[in-house]
PDB file of N, CA and C in Angstrom:
ATOM      1  N   MET A   1       0.868  -1.174  -0.018  1.00  0.00           N
ATOM      2  CA  MET A   1      -0.027   0.000  -0.015  1.00  0.00           C
ATOM      3  C   MET A   1       0.882   1.264   0.036  1.00  0.00           C
ATOM      4  N   HIS A   2       0.600   2.198  -0.871  1.00  0.00           N
ATOM      5  CA  HIS A   2       1.352   3.401  -0.988  1.00  0.00           C
ATOM      6  C   HIS A   2       0.743   4.520  -0.149  1.00  0.00           C
ATOM      7  N   ALA A   3       1.551   5.439   0.291  1.00  0.00           N
ATOM      8  CA  ALA A   3       1.067   6.538   1.153  1.00  0.00           C
ATOM      9  C   ALA A   3       0.548   7.640   0.256  1.00  0.00           C
ATOM     10  N   ALA A   4      -0.582   8.144   0.600  1.00  0.00           N
ATOM     11  CA  ALA A   4      -1.155   9.325  -0.095  1.00  0.00           C
ATOM     12  C   ALA A   4      -1.002  10.520   0.820  1.00  0.00           C
ATOM     13  N   LYS A   5      -0.193  11.500   0.387  1.00  0.00           N
ATOM     14  CA  LYS A   5       0.077  12.681   1.207  1.00  0.00           C
ATOM     15  C   LYS A   5      -0.576  13.898   0.630  1.00  0.00           C
ATOM     16  N   LEU A   6      -1.128  14.750   1.487  1.00  0.00           N
ATOM     17  CA  LEU A   6      -1.729  16.017   1.074  1.00  0.00           C
ATOM     18  C   LEU A   6      -0.605  16.953   0.686  1.00  0.00           C
ATOM     19  N   VAL A   7      -0.649  17.514  -0.544  1.00  0.00           N
ATOM     20  CA  VAL A   7       0.338  18.428  -0.997  1.00  0.00           C
ATOM     21  C   VAL A   7      -0.078  19.873  -0.750  1.00  0.00           C
ATOM     22  N   SER A   8      -1.389  20.141  -1.072  1.00  0.00           N
ATOM     23  CA  SER A   8      -1.881  21.440  -0.930  1.00  0.00           C
ATOM     24  C   SER A   8      -3.377  21.492  -1.031  1.00  0.00           C
ATOM     25  N   ILE A   9      -3.922  22.584  -0.483  1.00  0.00           N
ATOM     26  CA  ILE A   9      -5.382  22.888  -0.688  1.00  0.00           C
ATOM     27  C   ILE A   9      -5.320  24.298  -1.252  1.00  0.00           C
ATOM     28  N   THR A  10      -5.829  24.416  -2.501  1.00  0.00           N
ATOM     29  CA  THR A  10      -5.734  25.667  -3.191  1.00  0.00           C
ATOM     30  C   THR A  10      -6.925  25.865  -4.128  1.00  0.00           C
ATOM     31  N   GLU A  11      -7.071  27.015  -4.693  1.00  0.00           N
ATOM     32  CA  GLU A  11      -8.055  27.270  -5.727  1.00  0.00           C
ATOM     33  C   GLU A  11      -7.640  26.626  -7.004  1.00  0.00           C
ATOM     34  N   ALA A  12      -8.596  26.162  -7.815  1.00  0.00           N
ATOM     35  CA  ALA A  12      -8.302  25.486  -9.077  1.00  0.00           C
ATOM     36  C   ALA A  12      -7.391  26.375  -9.912  1.00  0.00           C
ATOM     37  N   LYS A  13      -7.614  27.686  -9.935  1.00  0.00           N
ATOM     38  CA  LYS A  13      -6.758  28.582 -10.806  1.00  0.00           C
ATOM     39  C   LYS A  13      -5.320  28.604 -10.368  1.00  0.00           C
ATOM     40  N   ASP A  14      -5.038  28.219  -9.107  1.00  0.00           N
ATOM     41  CA  ASP A  14      -3.684  28.274  -8.623  1.00  0.00           C
ATOM     42  C   ASP A  14      -2.946  26.922  -8.552  1.00  0.00           C
ATOM     43  N   VAL A  15      -3.603  25.894  -9.148  1.00  0.00           N
ATOM     44  CA  VAL A  15      -2.960  24.575  -9.172  1.00  0.00           C
ATOM     45  C   VAL A  15      -1.721  24.678 -10.099  1.00  0.00           C
ATOM     46  N   PRO A  16      -0.596  24.167  -9.666  1.00  0.00           N
ATOM     47  CA  PRO A  16       0.641  24.254 -10.483  1.00  0.00           C
ATOM     48  C   PRO A  16       0.407  23.593 -11.859  1.00  0.00           C
ATOM     49  N   PRO A  17       1.080  24.054 -12.882  1.00  0.00           N
ATOM     50  CA  PRO A  17       0.905  23.496 -14.246  1.00  0.00           C
ATOM     51  C   PRO A  17       1.116  22.042 -14.377  1.00  0.00           C
ATOM     52  N   GLU A  18       2.094  21.480 -13.592  1.00  0.00           N
ATOM     53  CA  GLU A  18       2.377  20.036 -13.697  1.00  0.00           C
ATOM     54  C   GLU A  18       1.289  19.162 -13.074  1.00  0.00           C
ATOM     55  N   VAL A  19       0.408  19.790 -12.278  1.00  0.00           N
ATOM     56  CA  VAL A  19      -0.631  19.065 -11.613  1.00  0.00           C
ATOM     57  C   VAL A  19      -2.035  19.362 -12.363  1.00  0.00           C
ATOM     58  N   ARG A  20      -2.105  20.421 -13.078  1.00  0.00           N
ATOM     59  CA  ARG A  20      -3.362  20.843 -13.728  1.00  0.00           C
ATOM     60  C   ARG A  20      -3.981  19.745 -14.571  1.00  0.00           C
ATOM     61  N   PRO A  21      -3.243  18.926 -15.398  1.00  0.00           N
ATOM     62  CA  PRO A  21      -3.856  17.905 -16.147  1.00  0.00           C
ATOM     63  C   PRO A  21      -4.622  16.822 -15.295  1.00  0.00           C
ATOM     64  N   PHE A  22      -4.090  16.531 -14.104  1.00  0.00           N
ATOM     65  CA  PHE A  22      -4.739  15.615 -13.214  1.00  0.00           C
ATOM     66  C   PHE A  22      -6.094  16.216 -12.733  1.00  0.00           C
ATOM     67  N   VAL A  23      -6.098  17.489 -12.450  1.00  0.00           N
ATOM     68  CA  VAL A  23      -7.342  18.148 -12.000  1.00  0.00           C
ATOM     69  C   VAL A  23      -8.321  18.216 -13.132  1.00  0.00           C
ATOM     70  N   GLU A  24      -7.919  18.573 -14.274  1.00  0.00           N
ATOM     71  CA  GLU A  24      -8.801  18.655 -15.413  1.00  0.00           C
ATOM     72  C   GLU A  24      -9.373  17.307 -15.792  1.00  0.00           C
ATOM     73  N   PHE A  25      -8.525  16.274 -15.757  1.00  0.00           N
ATOM     74  CA  PHE A  25      -8.965  14.913 -16.079  1.00  0.00           C
ATOM     75  C   PHE A  25     -10.060  14.460 -15.082  1.00  0.00           C
ATOM     76  N   LYS A  26      -9.786  14.640 -13.781  1.00  0.00           N
ATOM     77  CA  LYS A  26     -10.742  14.260 -12.737  1.00  0.00           C
ATOM     78  C   LYS A  26     -12.053  14.969 -12.875  1.00  0.00           C
ATOM     79  N   ALA A  27     -11.941  16.282 -13.221  1.00  0.00           N
ATOM     80  CA  ALA A  27     -13.255  17.065 -13.345  1.00  0.00           C
ATOM     81  C   ALA A  27     -13.971  16.528 -14.598  1.00  0.00           C
ATOM     82  N   ALA A  28     -13.333  16.153 -15.647  1.00  0.00           N
ATOM     83  CA  ALA A  28     -13.961  15.577 -16.839  1.00  0.00           C
ATOM     84  C   ALA A  28     -14.628  14.250 -16.497  1.00  0.00           C
ATOM     85  N   VAL A  29     -13.904  13.425 -15.770  1.00  0.00           N
ATOM     86  CA  VAL A  29     -14.460  12.104 -15.398  1.00  0.00           C
ATOM     87  C   VAL A  29     -15.715  12.261 -14.570  1.00  0.00           C
ATOM     88  N   GLU A  30     -15.746  13.253 -13.695  1.00  0.00           N
ATOM     89  CA  GLU A  30     -16.879  13.507 -12.827  1.00  0.00           C
ATOM     90  C   GLU A  30     -17.974  14.303 -13.508  1.00  0.00           C
ATOM     91  N   GLY A  31     -17.707  14.748 -14.708  1.00  0.00           N
ATOM     92  CA  GLY A  31     -18.680  15.598 -15.420  1.00  0.00           C
ATOM     93  C   GLY A  31     -18.852  16.981 -14.716  1.00  0.00           C
ATOM     94  N   ARG A  32     -17.773  17.442 -14.104  1.00  0.00           N
ATOM     95  CA  ARG A  32     -17.858  18.655 -13.298  1.00  0.00           C
ATOM     96  C   ARG A  32     -17.289  19.802 -14.142  1.00  0.00           C
ATOM     97  N   GLU A  33     -18.015  20.906 -14.059  1.00  0.00           N
ATOM     98  CA  GLU A  33     -17.565  22.177 -14.631  1.00  0.00           C
ATOM     99  C   GLU A  33     -16.664  22.826 -13.641  1.00  0.00           C
ATOM    100  N   LEU A  34     -15.408  22.852 -13.923  1.00  0.00           N
ATOM    101  CA  LEU A  34     -14.352  23.343 -12.977  1.00  0.00           C
ATOM    102  C   LEU A  34     -14.416  24.875 -12.903  1.00  0.00           C
ATOM    103  N   GLU A  35     -14.681  25.368 -11.701  1.00  0.00           N
ATOM    104  CA  GLU A  35     -14.678  26.823 -11.506  1.00  0.00           C
ATOM    105  C   GLU A  35     -13.288  27.280 -10.998  1.00  0.00           C
ATOM    106  N   THR A  36     -12.793  28.432 -11.473  1.00  0.00           N
ATOM    107  CA  THR A  36     -11.508  28.870 -11.106  1.00  0.00           C
ATOM    108  C   THR A  36     -11.282  29.075  -9.627  1.00  0.00           C
ATOM    109  N   ALA A  37     -12.348  29.456  -8.921  1.00  0.00           N
ATOM    110  CA  ALA A  37     -12.215  29.753  -7.478  1.00  0.00           C
ATOM    111  C   ALA A  37     -12.541  28.520  -6.608  1.00  0.00           C
ATOM    112  N   GLU A  38     -12.834  27.392  -7.225  1.00  0.00           N
ATOM    113  CA  GLU A  38     -13.148  26.177  -6.513  1.00  0.00           C
ATOM    114  C   GLU A  38     -11.967  25.662  -5.791  1.00  0.00           C
ATOM    115  N   LYS A  39     -12.160  25.258  -4.499  1.00  0.00           N
ATOM    116  CA  LYS A  39     -11.052  24.713  -3.701  1.00  0.00           C
ATOM    117  C   LYS A  39     -10.777  23.280  -4.099  1.00  0.00           C
ATOM    118  N   VAL A  40      -9.556  22.981  -4.231  1.00  0.00           N
ATOM    119  CA  VAL A  40      -9.101  21.612  -4.573  1.00  0.00           C
ATOM    120  C   VAL A  40      -7.985  21.180  -3.618  1.00  0.00           C
ATOM    121  N   ALA A  41      -8.126  19.941  -3.091  1.00  0.00           N
ATOM    122  CA  ALA A  41      -7.073  19.395  -2.299  1.00  0.00           C
ATOM    123  C   ALA A  41      -6.320  18.488  -3.261  1.00  0.00           C
ATOM    124  N   VAL A  42      -4.965  18.576  -3.181  1.00  0.00           N
ATOM    125  CA  VAL A  42      -4.166  17.754  -4.084  1.00  0.00           C
ATOM    126  C   VAL A  42      -3.316  16.807  -3.224  1.00  0.00           C
ATOM    127  N   LEU A  43      -3.496  15.480  -3.592  1.00  0.00           N
ATOM    128  CA  LEU A  43      -2.716  14.455  -2.899  1.00  0.00           C
ATOM    129  C   LEU A  43      -1.695  13.878  -3.847  1.00  0.00           C
ATOM    130  N   VAL A  44      -0.576  13.419  -3.321  1.00  0.00           N
ATOM    131  CA  VAL A  44       0.432  12.766  -4.154  1.00  0.00           C
ATOM    132  C   VAL A  44       0.579  11.363  -3.643  1.00  0.00           C
ATOM    133  N   ILE A  45       0.682  10.378  -4.503  1.00  0.00           N
ATOM    134  CA  ILE A  45       0.896   9.018  -4.092  1.00  0.00           C
ATOM    135  C   ILE A  45       2.349   8.658  -3.974  1.00  0.00           C
ATOM    136  N   GLY A  46       2.745   8.349  -2.738  1.00  0.00           N
ATOM    137  CA  GLY A  46       4.090   7.946  -2.434  1.00  0.00           C
ATOM    138  C   GLY A  46       5.175   8.911  -3.029  1.00  0.00           C
ATOM    139  N   SER A  47       6.187   8.371  -3.599  1.00  0.00           N
ATOM    140  CA  SER A  47       7.201   9.179  -4.176  1.00  0.00           C
ATOM    141  C   SER A  47       7.082   9.320  -5.664  1.00  0.00           C
ATOM    142  N   THR A  48       5.854   9.188  -6.127  1.00  0.00           N
ATOM    143  CA  THR A  48       5.557   9.218  -7.583  1.00  0.00           C
ATOM    144  C   THR A  48       5.141  10.663  -7.980  1.00  0.00           C
ATOM    145  N   THR A  49       4.777  10.755  -9.196  1.00  0.00           N
ATOM    146  CA  THR A  49       4.223  12.052  -9.697  1.00  0.00           C
ATOM    147  C   THR A  49       2.766  11.821 -10.021  1.00  0.00           C
ATOM    148  N   CYS A  50       2.133  10.882  -9.322  1.00  0.00           N
ATOM    149  CA  CYS A  50       0.716  10.617  -9.506  1.00  0.00           C
ATOM    150  C   CYS A  50      -0.097  11.462  -8.500  1.00  0.00           C
ATOM    151  N   TYR A  51      -0.835  12.396  -8.974  1.00  0.00           N
ATOM    152  CA  TYR A  51      -1.597  13.298  -8.186  1.00  0.00           C
ATOM    153  C   TYR A  51      -3.034  12.902  -8.145  1.00  0.00           C
ATOM    154  N   VAL A  52      -3.692  13.027  -7.040  1.00  0.00           N
ATOM    155  CA  VAL A  52      -5.149  12.761  -6.934  1.00  0.00           C
ATOM    156  C   VAL A  52      -5.829  14.048  -6.403  1.00  0.00           C
ATOM    157  N   PRO A  53      -6.598  14.680  -7.268  1.00  0.00           N
ATOM    158  CA  PRO A  53      -7.313  15.874  -6.792  1.00  0.00           C
ATOM    159  C   PRO A  53      -8.651  15.451  -6.064  1.00  0.00           C
ATOM    160  N   VAL A  54      -8.943  16.247  -5.032  1.00  0.00           N
ATOM    161  CA  VAL A  54     -10.193  16.071  -4.330  1.00  0.00           C
ATOM    162  C   VAL A  54     -10.899  17.424  -4.311  1.00  0.00           C
ATOM    163  N   PHE A  55     -12.031  17.469  -4.958  1.00  0.00           N
ATOM    164  CA  PHE A  55     -12.753  18.758  -5.091  1.00  0.00           C
ATOM    165  C   PHE A  55     -13.473  18.966  -3.795  1.00  0.00           C
ATOM    166  N   LEU A  56     -13.364  20.126  -3.210  1.00  0.00           N
ATOM    167  CA  LEU A  56     -13.905  20.407  -1.906  1.00  0.00           C
ATOM    168  C   LEU A  56     -15.318  21.059  -1.977  1.00  0.00           C
ATOM    169  N   LYS A  57     -15.787  21.289  -3.168  1.00  0.00           N
ATOM    170  CA  LYS A  57     -17.177  21.772  -3.338  1.00  0.00           C
ATOM    171  C   LYS A  57     -17.919  20.482  -3.566  1.00  0.00           C
ATOM    172  N   ASN A  58     -18.871  20.167  -2.718  1.00  0.00           N
ATOM    173  CA  ASN A  58     -19.572  18.876  -2.787  1.00  0.00           C
ATOM    174  C   ASN A  58     -18.572  17.720  -2.707  1.00  0.00           C
ATOM    175  N   PRO A  59     -17.763  17.705  -1.626  1.00  0.00           N
ATOM    176  CA  PRO A  59     -16.696  16.682  -1.568  1.00  0.00           C
ATOM    177  C   PRO A  59     -17.243  15.296  -1.195  1.00  0.00           C
ATOM    178  N   PRO A  60     -16.466  14.298  -1.483  1.00  0.00           N
ATOM    179  CA  PRO A  60     -16.797  12.911  -1.123  1.00  0.00           C
ATOM    180  C   PRO A  60     -16.725  12.789   0.397  1.00  0.00           C
ATOM    181  N   SER A  61     -17.277  11.756   0.961  1.00  0.00           N
ATOM    182  CA  SER A  61     -17.072  11.444   2.380  1.00  0.00           C
ATOM    183  C   SER A  61     -15.662  10.931   2.511  1.00  0.00           C
ATOM    184  N   MET A  62     -15.233  10.921   3.729  1.00  0.00           N
ATOM    185  CA  MET A  62     -13.873  10.377   4.007  1.00  0.00           C
ATOM    186  C   MET A  62     -13.866   8.859   3.622  1.00  0.00           C
ATOM    187  N   ARG A  63     -14.970   8.197   3.908  1.00  0.00           N
ATOM    188  CA  ARG A  63     -15.069   6.765   3.564  1.00  0.00           C
ATOM    189  C   ARG A  63     -14.964   6.586   2.026  1.00  0.00           C
ATOM    190  N   GLU A  64     -15.647   7.382   1.302  1.00  0.00           N
ATOM    191  CA  GLU A  64     -15.604   7.310  -0.215  1.00  0.00           C
ATOM    192  C   GLU A  64     -14.177   7.644  -0.719  1.00  0.00           C
ATOM    193  N   LEU A  65     -13.541   8.663  -0.160  1.00  0.00           N
ATOM    194  CA  LEU A  65     -12.184   9.007  -0.552  1.00  0.00           C
ATOM    195  C   LEU A  65     -11.229   7.840  -0.259  1.00  0.00           C
ATOM    196  N   GLU A  66     -11.300   7.301   0.928  1.00  0.00           N
ATOM    197  CA  GLU A  66     -10.398   6.220   1.283  1.00  0.00           C
ATOM    198  C   GLU A  66     -10.639   4.988   0.430  1.00  0.00           C
ATOM    199  N   LYS A  67     -11.884   4.695   0.097  1.00  0.00           N
ATOM    200  CA  LYS A  67     -12.187   3.556  -0.821  1.00  0.00           C
ATOM    201  C   LYS A  67     -11.586   3.795  -2.223  1.00  0.00           C
ATOM    202  N   SER A  68     -11.756   5.000  -2.704  1.00  0.00           N
ATOM    203  CA  SER A  68     -11.148   5.412  -4.017  1.00  0.00           C
ATOM    204  C   SER A  68      -9.653   5.196  -4.018  1.00  0.00           C
ATOM    205  N   LEU A  69      -8.988   5.653  -2.951  1.00  0.00           N
ATOM    206  CA  LEU A  69      -7.523   5.494  -2.865  1.00  0.00           C
ATOM    207  C   LEU A  69      -7.097   4.048  -2.732  1.00  0.00           C
ATOM    208  N   ALA A  70      -7.910   3.301  -1.966  1.00  0.00           N
ATOM    209  CA  ALA A  70      -7.562   1.841  -1.846  1.00  0.00           C
ATOM    210  C   ALA A  70      -7.612   1.116  -3.145  1.00  0.00           C
ATOM    211  N   ALA A  71      -8.517   1.506  -4.023  1.00  0.00           N
ATOM    212  CA  ALA A  71      -8.579   0.945  -5.379  1.00  0.00           C
ATOM    213  C   ALA A  71      -7.283   1.257  -6.203  1.00  0.00           C
ATOM    214  N   GLN A  72      -6.526   2.279  -5.740  1.00  0.00           N
ATOM    215  CA  GLN A  72      -5.296   2.644  -6.416  1.00  0.00           C
ATOM    216  C   GLN A  72      -4.121   2.156  -5.569  1.00  0.00           C
ATOM    217  N   ASP A  73      -4.408   1.266  -4.584  1.00  0.00           N
ATOM    218  CA  ASP A  73      -3.406   0.682  -3.659  1.00  0.00           C
ATOM    219  C   ASP A  73      -2.688   1.823  -2.914  1.00  0.00           C
ATOM    220  N   ALA A  74      -3.482   2.763  -2.399  1.00  0.00           N
ATOM    221  CA  ALA A  74      -2.956   3.817  -1.559  1.00  0.00           C
ATOM    222  C   ALA A  74      -3.838   4.080  -0.405  1.00  0.00           C
ATOM    223  N   ALA A  75      -3.255   4.719   0.624  1.00  0.00           N
ATOM    224  CA  ALA A  75      -3.982   5.084   1.815  1.00  0.00           C
ATOM    225  C   ALA A  75      -3.424   6.403   2.324  1.00  0.00           C
ATOM    226  N   LEU A  76      -4.359   7.223   2.901  1.00  0.00           N
ATOM    227  CA  LEU A  76      -3.937   8.516   3.428  1.00  0.00           C
ATOM    228  C   LEU A  76      -3.022   8.353   4.649  1.00  0.00           C
ATOM    229  N   THR A  77      -2.018   9.252   4.695  1.00  0.00           N
ATOM    230  CA  THR A  77      -1.221   9.301   5.917  1.00  0.00           C
ATOM    231  C   THR A  77      -2.066   9.876   7.043  1.00  0.00           C
ATOM    232  N   ASP A  78      -1.689   9.680   8.265  1.00  0.00           N
ATOM    233  CA  ASP A  78      -2.531  10.131   9.388  1.00  0.00           C
ATOM    234  C   ASP A  78      -2.650  11.682   9.328  1.00  0.00           C
ATOM    235  N   ASP A  79      -1.566  12.419   9.085  1.00  0.00           N
ATOM    236  CA  ASP A  79      -1.661  13.829   9.050  1.00  0.00           C
ATOM    237  C   ASP A  79      -2.502  14.385   7.917  1.00  0.00           C
ATOM    238  N   SER A  80      -2.380  13.739   6.793  1.00  0.00           N
ATOM    239  CA  SER A  80      -3.229  14.110   5.612  1.00  0.00           C
ATOM    240  C   SER A  80      -4.702  13.820   5.910  1.00  0.00           C
ATOM    241  N   ARG A  81      -4.988  12.661   6.510  1.00  0.00           N
ATOM    242  CA  ARG A  81      -6.392  12.365   6.851  1.00  0.00           C
ATOM    243  C   ARG A  81      -6.958  13.401   7.802  1.00  0.00           C
ATOM    244  N   ALA A  82      -6.201  13.774   8.798  1.00  0.00           N
ATOM    245  CA  ALA A  82      -6.667  14.775   9.785  1.00  0.00           C
ATOM    246  C   ALA A  82      -6.969  16.135   9.081  1.00  0.00           C
ATOM    247  N   ALA A  83      -6.066  16.569   8.189  1.00  0.00           N
ATOM    248  CA  ALA A  83      -6.231  17.836   7.490  1.00  0.00           C
ATOM    249  C   ALA A  83      -7.454  17.795   6.564  1.00  0.00           C
ATOM    250  N   LEU A  84      -7.557  16.725   5.796  1.00  0.00           N
ATOM    251  CA  LEU A  84      -8.694  16.619   4.925  1.00  0.00           C
ATOM    252  C   LEU A  84     -10.021  16.501   5.626  1.00  0.00           C
ATOM    253  N   ASP A  85      -9.986  15.767   6.740  1.00  0.00           N
ATOM    254  CA  ASP A  85     -11.180  15.540   7.504  1.00  0.00           C
ATOM    255  C   ASP A  85     -11.760  16.886   7.997  1.00  0.00           C
ATOM    256  N   ARG A  86     -10.942  17.789   8.356  1.00  0.00           N
ATOM    257  CA  ARG A  86     -11.341  19.113   8.771  1.00  0.00           C
ATOM    258  C   ARG A  86     -12.075  19.848   7.582  1.00  0.00           C
ATOM    259  N   HIS A  87     -11.591  19.719   6.373  1.00  0.00           N
ATOM    260  CA  HIS A  87     -12.126  20.404   5.198  1.00  0.00           C
ATOM    261  C   HIS A  87     -13.420  19.609   4.698  1.00  0.00           C
ATOM    262  N   LEU A  88     -13.440  18.337   4.800  1.00  0.00           N
ATOM    263  CA  LEU A  88     -14.570  17.593   4.306  1.00  0.00           C
ATOM    264  C   LEU A  88     -15.838  17.745   5.209  1.00  0.00           C
ATOM    265  N   LYS A  89     -15.621  18.145   6.451  1.00  0.00           N
ATOM    266  CA  LYS A  89     -16.704  18.330   7.397  1.00  0.00           C
ATOM    267  C   LYS A  89     -17.333  19.748   7.332  1.00  0.00           C
ATOM    268  N   ARG A  90     -16.766  20.617   6.567  1.00  0.00           N
ATOM    269  CA  ARG A  90     -17.261  21.993   6.431  1.00  0.00           C
ATOM    270  C   ARG A  90     -18.526  22.050   5.678  1.00  0.00           C
TER     271      ARG A  90
END
């Protein structure tokens, strides 16, 4: 199982260029119209360059997020889980 660490929580317009394709792809898969001011949490899997965006407008539950990561053979680190949990409960 790989560690999924929180990299940042930022607005979609401020996502770094190397991460932007991951955000755009996830938005397209979800059929989401990505708004520039929408908050996005960005996770990175282990020491890879595989990024997992989590949209914080209508976010998934922590259980859904963890299930999705498990399908990718990844799990949130404790500190990332705690930080995301605070934002998902808002």
